[in-house]
Amino acid sequence: MGLRAPMTPTQCKMARVALGWSARDLAQRARVGVNTVKRFESGKPANVSTVTLIEQAFEAAGIEFTNGEAPGVRLHPRKE
């Protein structure tokens, strides 16, 4: 696995929309506070450990973060 830049607040919002999750849904899945999610998405700093928990929740749901000139997200639906 190569190194990639940390998830941005915009990527966080994009991933939530792709999954149809509310900020509360994400907070529950990542085991962080809903206010933490909202603060991060508004561009305020977050602890690396918090961002990691959020990224892991998204990745478990099938989100892939893309970087480069146009950072974004890609959804790979999980087969149940």
PDB file of N, CA and C in Angstrom:
ATOM      1  N   MET A   1       0.845  -1.174   0.000  1.00  0.00           N
ATOM      2  CA  MET A   1       0.000   0.000   0.000  1.00  0.00           C
ATOM      3  C   MET A   1       0.886   1.232   0.000  1.00  0.00           C
ATOM      4  N   GLY A   2       0.634   2.164  -0.918  1.00  0.00           N
ATOM      5  CA  GLY A   2       1.435   3.376  -0.989  1.00  0.00           C
ATOM      6  C   GLY A   2       0.961   4.431  -0.003  1.00  0.00           C
ATOM      7  N   LEU A   3       1.804   5.411   0.173  1.00  0.00           N
ATOM      8  CA  LEU A   3       1.433   6.509   1.045  1.00  0.00           C
ATOM      9  C   LEU A   3       0.465   7.424   0.323  1.00  0.00           C
ATOM     10  N   ARG A   4      -0.450   7.981   1.073  1.00  0.00           N
ATOM     11  CA  ARG A   4      -1.360   8.951   0.488  1.00  0.00           C
ATOM     12  C   ARG A   4      -1.579  10.060   1.499  1.00  0.00           C
ATOM     13  N   ALA A   5      -2.059  11.171   1.007  1.00  0.00           N
ATOM     14  CA  ALA A   5      -2.327  12.313   1.882  1.00  0.00           C
ATOM     15  C   ALA A   5      -3.504  11.982   2.790  1.00  0.00           C
ATOM     16  N   PRO A   6      -3.549  12.611   3.962  1.00  0.00           N
ATOM     17  CA  PRO A   6      -4.700  12.384   4.841  1.00  0.00           C
ATOM     18  C   PRO A   6      -5.994  12.851   4.171  1.00  0.00           C
ATOM     19  N   MET A   7      -7.091  12.269   4.594  1.00  0.00           N
ATOM     20  CA  MET A   7      -8.407  12.648   4.109  1.00  0.00           C
ATOM     21  C   MET A   7      -8.653  14.130   4.411  1.00  0.00           C
ATOM     22  N   THR A   8      -9.228  14.820   3.449  1.00  0.00           N
ATOM     23  CA  THR A   8      -9.559  16.233   3.643  1.00  0.00           C
ATOM     24  C   THR A   8     -11.002  16.355   4.143  1.00  0.00           C
ATOM     25  N   PRO A   9     -11.354  17.503   4.716  1.00  0.00           N
ATOM     26  CA  PRO A   9     -12.749  17.708   5.108  1.00  0.00           C
ATOM     27  C   PRO A   9     -13.719  17.547   3.931  1.00  0.00           C
ATOM     28  N   THR A  10     -13.338  18.006   2.749  1.00  0.00           N
ATOM     29  CA  THR A  10     -14.197  17.861   1.576  1.00  0.00           C
ATOM     30  C   THR A  10     -14.384  16.390   1.212  1.00  0.00           C
ATOM     31  N   GLN A  11     -13.301  15.609   1.273  1.00  0.00           N
ATOM     32  CA  GLN A  11     -13.419  14.178   0.992  1.00  0.00           C
ATOM     33  C   GLN A  11     -14.336  13.505   2.014  1.00  0.00           C
ATOM     34  N   CYS A  12     -14.276  13.959   3.252  1.00  0.00           N
ATOM     35  CA  CYS A  12     -15.140  13.406   4.292  1.00  0.00           C
ATOM     36  C   CYS A  12     -16.608  13.630   3.928  1.00  0.00           C
ATOM     37  N   LYS A  13     -16.936  14.838   3.544  1.00  0.00           N
ATOM     38  CA  LYS A  13     -18.315  15.154   3.144  1.00  0.00           C
ATOM     39  C   LYS A  13     -18.727  14.340   1.923  1.00  0.00           C
ATOM     40  N   MET A  14     -17.820  14.253   0.941  1.00  0.00           N
ATOM     41  CA  MET A  14     -18.121  13.517  -0.284  1.00  0.00           C
ATOM     42  C   MET A  14     -18.393  12.045   0.021  1.00  0.00           C
ATOM     43  N   ALA A  15     -17.598  11.467   0.897  1.00  0.00           N
ATOM     44  CA  ALA A  15     -17.763  10.054   1.254  1.00  0.00           C
ATOM     45  C   ALA A  15     -19.102   9.832   1.961  1.00  0.00           C
ATOM     46  N   ARG A  16     -19.458  10.747   2.857  1.00  0.00           N
ATOM     47  CA  ARG A  16     -20.751  10.618   3.544  1.00  0.00           C
ATOM     48  C   ARG A  16     -21.898  10.649   2.550  1.00  0.00           C
ATOM     49  N   VAL A  17     -21.832  11.582   1.595  1.00  0.00           N
ATOM     50  CA  VAL A  17     -22.889  11.691   0.589  1.00  0.00           C
ATOM     51  C   VAL A  17     -22.958  10.422  -0.256  1.00  0.00           C
ATOM     52  N   ALA A  18     -21.798   9.910  -0.665  1.00  0.00           N
ATOM     53  CA  ALA A  18     -21.765   8.686  -1.486  1.00  0.00           C
ATOM     54  C   ALA A  18     -22.425   7.516  -0.774  1.00  0.00           C
ATOM     55  N   LEU A  19     -22.277   7.478   0.547  1.00  0.00           N
ATOM     56  CA  LEU A  19     -22.855   6.380   1.327  1.00  0.00           C
ATOM     57  C   LEU A  19     -24.262   6.678   1.821  1.00  0.00           C
ATOM     58  N   GLY A  20     -24.694   7.927   1.699  1.00  0.00           N
ATOM     59  CA  GLY A  20     -26.007   8.301   2.218  1.00  0.00           C
ATOM     60  C   GLY A  20     -26.032   8.389   3.735  1.00  0.00           C
ATOM     61  N   TRP A  21     -24.874   8.692   4.343  1.00  0.00           N
ATOM     62  CA  TRP A  21     -24.769   8.770   5.797  1.00  0.00           C
ATOM     63  C   TRP A  21     -24.936  10.207   6.272  1.00  0.00           C
ATOM     64  N   SER A  22     -25.563  10.365   7.419  1.00  0.00           N
ATOM     65  CA  SER A  22     -25.595  11.649   8.104  1.00  0.00           C
ATOM     66  C   SER A  22     -24.314  11.777   8.930  1.00  0.00           C
ATOM     67  N   ALA A  23     -24.072  12.958   9.470  1.00  0.00           N
ATOM     68  CA  ALA A  23     -22.917  13.136  10.363  1.00  0.00           C
ATOM     69  C   ALA A  23     -23.050  12.208  11.568  1.00  0.00           C
ATOM     70  N   ARG A  24     -24.276  12.021  12.052  1.00  0.00           N
ATOM     71  CA  ARG A  24     -24.513  11.120  13.192  1.00  0.00           C
ATOM     72  C   ARG A  24     -24.183   9.668  12.820  1.00  0.00           C
ATOM     73  N   ASP A  25     -24.578   9.251  11.605  1.00  0.00           N
ATOM     74  CA  ASP A  25     -24.257   7.892  11.145  1.00  0.00           C
ATOM     75  C   ASP A  25     -22.749   7.674  11.154  1.00  0.00           C
ATOM     76  N   LEU A  26     -22.020   8.632  10.595  1.00  0.00           N
ATOM     77  CA  LEU A  26     -20.563   8.511  10.545  1.00  0.00           C
ATOM     78  C   LEU A  26     -19.978   8.478  11.945  1.00  0.00           C
ATOM     79  N   ALA A  27     -20.440   9.361  12.810  1.00  0.00           N
ATOM     80  CA  ALA A  27     -19.922   9.415  14.179  1.00  0.00           C
ATOM     81  C   ALA A  27     -20.110   8.071  14.880  1.00  0.00           C
ATOM     82  N   GLN A  28     -21.272   7.466  14.716  1.00  0.00           N
ATOM     83  CA  GLN A  28     -21.526   6.169  15.343  1.00  0.00           C
ATOM     84  C   GLN A  28     -20.606   5.089  14.788  1.00  0.00           C
ATOM     85  N   ARG A  29     -20.435   5.063  13.483  1.00  0.00           N
ATOM     86  CA  ARG A  29     -19.600   4.027  12.863  1.00  0.00           C
ATOM     87  C   ARG A  29     -18.117   4.218  13.187  1.00  0.00           C
ATOM     88  N   ALA A  30     -17.690   5.477  13.319  1.00  0.00           N
ATOM     89  CA  ALA A  30     -16.276   5.766  13.602  1.00  0.00           C
ATOM     90  C   ALA A  30     -15.994   5.822  15.107  1.00  0.00           C
ATOM     91  N   ARG A  31     -17.053   5.809  15.892  1.00  0.00           N
ATOM     92  CA  ARG A  31     -16.930   5.899  17.354  1.00  0.00           C
ATOM     93  C   ARG A  31     -16.262   7.206  17.783  1.00  0.00           C
ATOM     94  N   VAL A  32     -16.756   8.291  17.183  1.00  0.00           N
ATOM     95  CA  VAL A  32     -16.331   9.640  17.558  1.00  0.00           C
ATOM     96  C   VAL A  32     -17.604  10.458  17.776  1.00  0.00           C
ATOM     97  N   GLY A  33     -17.471  11.631  18.335  1.00  0.00           N
ATOM     98  CA  GLY A  33     -18.626  12.481  18.568  1.00  0.00           C
ATOM     99  C   GLY A  33     -19.137  13.123  17.287  1.00  0.00           C
ATOM    100  N   VAL A  34     -20.444  13.336  17.216  1.00  0.00           N
ATOM    101  CA  VAL A  34     -21.022  13.976  16.037  1.00  0.00           C
ATOM    102  C   VAL A  34     -20.479  15.396  15.885  1.00  0.00           C
ATOM    103  N   ASN A  35     -20.241  16.097  16.979  1.00  0.00           N
ATOM    104  CA  ASN A  35     -19.666  17.442  16.884  1.00  0.00           C
ATOM    105  C   ASN A  35     -18.251  17.399  16.332  1.00  0.00           C
ATOM    106  N   THR A  36     -17.523  16.325  16.606  1.00  0.00           N
ATOM    107  CA  THR A  36     -16.178  16.146  16.064  1.00  0.00           C
ATOM    108  C   THR A  36     -16.241  16.044  14.544  1.00  0.00           C
ATOM    109  N   VAL A  37     -17.184  15.258  14.042  1.00  0.00           N
ATOM    110  CA  VAL A  37     -17.368  15.121  12.593  1.00  0.00           C
ATOM    111  C   VAL A  37     -17.703  16.482  11.982  1.00  0.00           C
ATOM    112  N   LYS A  38     -18.637  17.188  12.580  1.00  0.00           N
ATOM    113  CA  LYS A  38     -19.056  18.482  12.042  1.00  0.00           C
ATOM    114  C   LYS A  38     -17.916  19.498  12.059  1.00  0.00           C
ATOM    115  N   ARG A  39     -17.128  19.500  13.147  1.00  0.00           N
ATOM    116  CA  ARG A  39     -15.994  20.434  13.215  1.00  0.00           C
ATOM    117  C   ARG A  39     -14.969  20.106  12.134  1.00  0.00           C
ATOM    118  N   PHE A  40     -14.646  18.815  11.977  1.00  0.00           N
ATOM    119  CA  PHE A  40     -13.672  18.426  10.960  1.00  0.00           C
ATOM    120  C   PHE A  40     -14.153  18.831   9.574  1.00  0.00           C
ATOM    121  N   GLU A  41     -15.416  18.547   9.267  1.00  0.00           N
ATOM    122  CA  GLU A  41     -15.950  18.868   7.944  1.00  0.00           C
ATOM    123  C   GLU A  41     -16.001  20.370   7.691  1.00  0.00           C
ATOM    124  N   SER A  42     -16.024  21.158   8.745  1.00  0.00           N
ATOM    125  CA  SER A  42     -16.032  22.615   8.560  1.00  0.00           C
ATOM    126  C   SER A  42     -14.619  23.177   8.412  1.00  0.00           C
ATOM    127  N   GLY A  43     -13.611  22.283   8.465  1.00  0.00           N
ATOM    128  CA  GLY A  43     -12.236  22.704   8.235  1.00  0.00           C
ATOM    129  C   GLY A  43     -11.421  22.950   9.487  1.00  0.00           C
ATOM    130  N   LYS A  44     -12.003  22.684  10.639  1.00  0.00           N
ATOM    131  CA  LYS A  44     -11.248  22.860  11.878  1.00  0.00           C
ATOM    132  C   LYS A  44     -10.320  21.660  12.083  1.00  0.00           C
ATOM    133  N   PRO A  45      -9.181  21.865  12.759  1.00  0.00           N
ATOM    134  CA  PRO A  45      -8.222  20.772  12.948  1.00  0.00           C
ATOM    135  C   PRO A  45      -8.809  19.609  13.751  1.00  0.00           C
ATOM    136  N   ALA A  46      -8.321  18.418  13.457  1.00  0.00           N
ATOM    137  CA  ALA A  46      -8.719  17.209  14.192  1.00  0.00           C
ATOM    138  C   ALA A  46      -7.468  16.403  14.482  1.00  0.00           C
ATOM    139  N   ASN A  47      -7.525  15.646  15.560  1.00  0.00           N
ATOM    140  CA  ASN A  47      -6.410  14.758  15.899  1.00  0.00           C
ATOM    141  C   ASN A  47      -6.227  13.718  14.799  1.00  0.00           C
ATOM    142  N   VAL A  48      -4.994  13.344  14.561  1.00  0.00           N
ATOM    143  CA  VAL A  48      -4.693  12.316  13.557  1.00  0.00           C
ATOM    144  C   VAL A  48      -5.442  11.028  13.878  1.00  0.00           C
ATOM    145  N   SER A  49      -5.511  10.679  15.160  1.00  0.00           N
ATOM    146  CA  SER A  49      -6.198   9.433  15.547  1.00  0.00           C
ATOM    147  C   SER A  49      -7.688   9.507  15.208  1.00  0.00           C
ATOM    148  N   THR A  50      -8.287  10.675  15.349  1.00  0.00           N
ATOM    149  CA  THR A  50      -9.708  10.847  15.017  1.00  0.00           C
ATOM    150  C   THR A  50      -9.931  10.707  13.523  1.00  0.00           C
ATOM    151  N   VAL A  51      -9.090  11.344  12.732  1.00  0.00           N
ATOM    152  CA  VAL A  51      -9.214  11.250  11.273  1.00  0.00           C
ATOM    153  C   VAL A  51      -9.017   9.803  10.833  1.00  0.00           C
ATOM    154  N   THR A  52      -8.100   9.106  11.471  1.00  0.00           N
ATOM    155  CA  THR A  52      -7.859   7.698  11.141  1.00  0.00           C
ATOM    156  C   THR A  52      -9.107   6.857  11.411  1.00  0.00           C
ATOM    157  N   LEU A  53      -9.773   7.081  12.544  1.00  0.00           N
ATOM    158  CA  LEU A  53     -11.001   6.337  12.863  1.00  0.00           C
ATOM    159  C   LEU A  53     -12.087   6.601  11.816  1.00  0.00           C
ATOM    160  N   ILE A  54     -12.204   7.850  11.393  1.00  0.00           N
ATOM    161  CA  ILE A  54     -13.200   8.200  10.382  1.00  0.00           C
ATOM    162  C   ILE A  54     -12.860   7.539   9.045  1.00  0.00           C
ATOM    163  N   GLU A  55     -11.599   7.611   8.648  1.00  0.00           N
ATOM    164  CA  GLU A  55     -11.166   6.967   7.392  1.00  0.00           C
ATOM    165  C   GLU A  55     -11.441   5.467   7.436  1.00  0.00           C
ATOM    166  N   GLN A  56     -11.140   4.833   8.556  1.00  0.00           N
ATOM    167  CA  GLN A  56     -11.354   3.387   8.679  1.00  0.00           C
ATOM    168  C   GLN A  56     -12.831   3.023   8.554  1.00  0.00           C
ATOM    169  N   ALA A  57     -13.703   3.844   9.122  1.00  0.00           N
ATOM    170  CA  ALA A  57     -15.145   3.590   9.000  1.00  0.00           C
ATOM    171  C   ALA A  57     -15.574   3.680   7.538  1.00  0.00           C
ATOM    172  N   PHE A  58     -15.069   4.684   6.842  1.00  0.00           N
ATOM    173  CA  PHE A  58     -15.400   4.817   5.421  1.00  0.00           C
ATOM    174  C   PHE A  58     -14.850   3.650   4.607  1.00  0.00           C
ATOM    175  N   GLU A  59     -13.597   3.299   4.837  1.00  0.00           N
ATOM    176  CA  GLU A  59     -12.974   2.213   4.074  1.00  0.00           C
ATOM    177  C   GLU A  59     -13.699   0.894   4.306  1.00  0.00           C
ATOM    178  N   ALA A  60     -14.169   0.657   5.528  1.00  0.00           N
ATOM    179  CA  ALA A  60     -14.921  -0.567   5.825  1.00  0.00           C
ATOM    180  C   ALA A  60     -16.243  -0.605   5.055  1.00  0.00           C
ATOM    181  N   ALA A  61     -16.759   0.573   4.712  1.00  0.00           N
ATOM    182  CA  ALA A  61     -18.009   0.665   3.959  1.00  0.00           C
ATOM    183  C   ALA A  61     -17.784   0.685   2.446  1.00  0.00           C
ATOM    184  N   GLY A  62     -16.524   0.639   2.009  1.00  0.00           N
ATOM    185  CA  GLY A  62     -16.232   0.565   0.576  1.00  0.00           C
ATOM    186  C   GLY A  62     -15.745   1.847  -0.062  1.00  0.00           C
ATOM    187  N   ILE A  63     -15.389   2.839   0.737  1.00  0.00           N
ATOM    188  CA  ILE A  63     -14.883   4.095   0.186  1.00  0.00           C
ATOM    189  C   ILE A  63     -13.381   3.987  -0.061  1.00  0.00           C
ATOM    190  N   GLU A  64     -12.959   4.470  -1.222  1.00  0.00           N
ATOM    191  CA  GLU A  64     -11.540   4.592  -1.541  1.00  0.00           C
ATOM    192  C   GLU A  64     -11.247   6.077  -1.717  1.00  0.00           C
ATOM    193  N   PHE A  65     -10.215   6.559  -1.059  1.00  0.00           N
ATOM    194  CA  PHE A  65      -9.825   7.960  -1.182  1.00  0.00           C
ATOM    195  C   PHE A  65      -8.830   8.096  -2.316  1.00  0.00           C
ATOM    196  N   THR A  66      -9.053   9.082  -3.182  1.00  0.00           N
ATOM    197  CA  THR A  66      -8.148   9.338  -4.295  1.00  0.00           C
ATOM    198  C   THR A  66      -7.457  10.666  -4.049  1.00  0.00           C
ATOM    199  N   ASN A  67      -6.254  10.778  -4.515  1.00  0.00           N
ATOM    200  CA  ASN A  67      -5.475  11.993  -4.317  1.00  0.00           C
ATOM    201  C   ASN A  67      -4.942  12.462  -5.656  1.00  0.00           C
ATOM    202  N   GLY A  68      -3.933  13.245  -5.637  1.00  0.00           N
ATOM    203  CA  GLY A  68      -3.389  13.787  -6.874  1.00  0.00           C
ATOM    204  C   GLY A  68      -3.883  15.200  -7.081  1.00  0.00           C
ATOM    205  N   GLU A  69      -4.058  15.574  -8.324  1.00  0.00           N
ATOM    206  CA  GLU A  69      -4.476  16.937  -8.632  1.00  0.00           C
ATOM    207  C   GLU A  69      -5.902  17.241  -8.211  1.00  0.00           C
ATOM    208  N   ALA A  70      -6.735  16.216  -8.133  1.00  0.00           N
ATOM    209  CA  ALA A  70      -8.142  16.411  -7.772  1.00  0.00           C
ATOM    210  C   ALA A  70      -8.548  15.358  -6.736  1.00  0.00           C
ATOM    211  N   PRO A  71      -8.237  15.602  -5.459  1.00  0.00           N
ATOM    212  CA  PRO A  71      -8.614  14.630  -4.427  1.00  0.00           C
ATOM    213  C   PRO A  71     -10.117  14.360  -4.442  1.00  0.00           C
ATOM    214  N   GLY A  72     -10.473  13.119  -4.237  1.00  0.00           N
ATOM    215  CA  GLY A  72     -11.886  12.748  -4.242  1.00  0.00           C
ATOM    216  C   GLY A  72     -12.108  11.420  -3.539  1.00  0.00           C
ATOM    217  N   VAL A  73     -13.241  10.811  -3.828  1.00  0.00           N
ATOM    218  CA  VAL A  73     -13.572   9.508  -3.258  1.00  0.00           C
ATOM    219  C   VAL A  73     -14.184   8.638  -4.349  1.00  0.00           C
ATOM    220  N   ARG A  74     -14.097   7.356  -4.138  1.00  0.00           N
ATOM    221  CA  ARG A  74     -14.684   6.382  -5.054  1.00  0.00           C
ATOM    222  C   ARG A  74     -15.369   5.328  -4.176  1.00  0.00           C
ATOM    223  N   LEU A  75     -16.572   4.920  -4.552  1.00  0.00           N
ATOM    224  CA  LEU A  75     -17.313   3.929  -3.783  1.00  0.00           C
ATOM    225  C   LEU A  75     -17.220   2.574  -4.450  1.00  0.00           C
ATOM    226  N   HIS A  76     -16.776   1.613  -3.686  1.00  0.00           N
ATOM    227  CA  HIS A  76     -16.744   0.212  -4.134  1.00  0.00           C
ATOM    228  C   HIS A  76     -17.741  -0.522  -3.253  1.00  0.00           C
ATOM    229  N   PRO A  77     -18.972  -0.716  -3.740  1.00  0.00           N
ATOM    230  CA  PRO A  77     -19.991  -1.361  -2.902  1.00  0.00           C
ATOM    231  C   PRO A  77     -19.526  -2.721  -2.398  1.00  0.00           C
ATOM    232  N   ARG A  78     -19.783  -2.962  -1.132  1.00  0.00           N
ATOM    233  CA  ARG A  78     -19.433  -4.234  -0.507  1.00  0.00           C
ATOM    234  C   ARG A  78     -20.510  -5.259  -0.836  1.00  0.00           C
ATOM    235  N   LYS A  79     -20.086  -6.462  -1.131  1.00  0.00           N
ATOM    236  CA  LYS A  79     -21.033  -7.555  -1.376  1.00  0.00           C
ATOM    237  C   LYS A  79     -21.332  -8.212  -0.037  1.00  0.00           C
ATOM    238  N   GLU A  80     -22.605  -8.373   0.240  1.00  0.00           N
ATOM    239  CA  GLU A  80     -23.001  -8.948   1.526  1.00  0.00           C
ATOM    240  C   GLU A  80     -23.357 -10.396   1.375  1.00  0.00           C
TER     241      GLU A  80
END
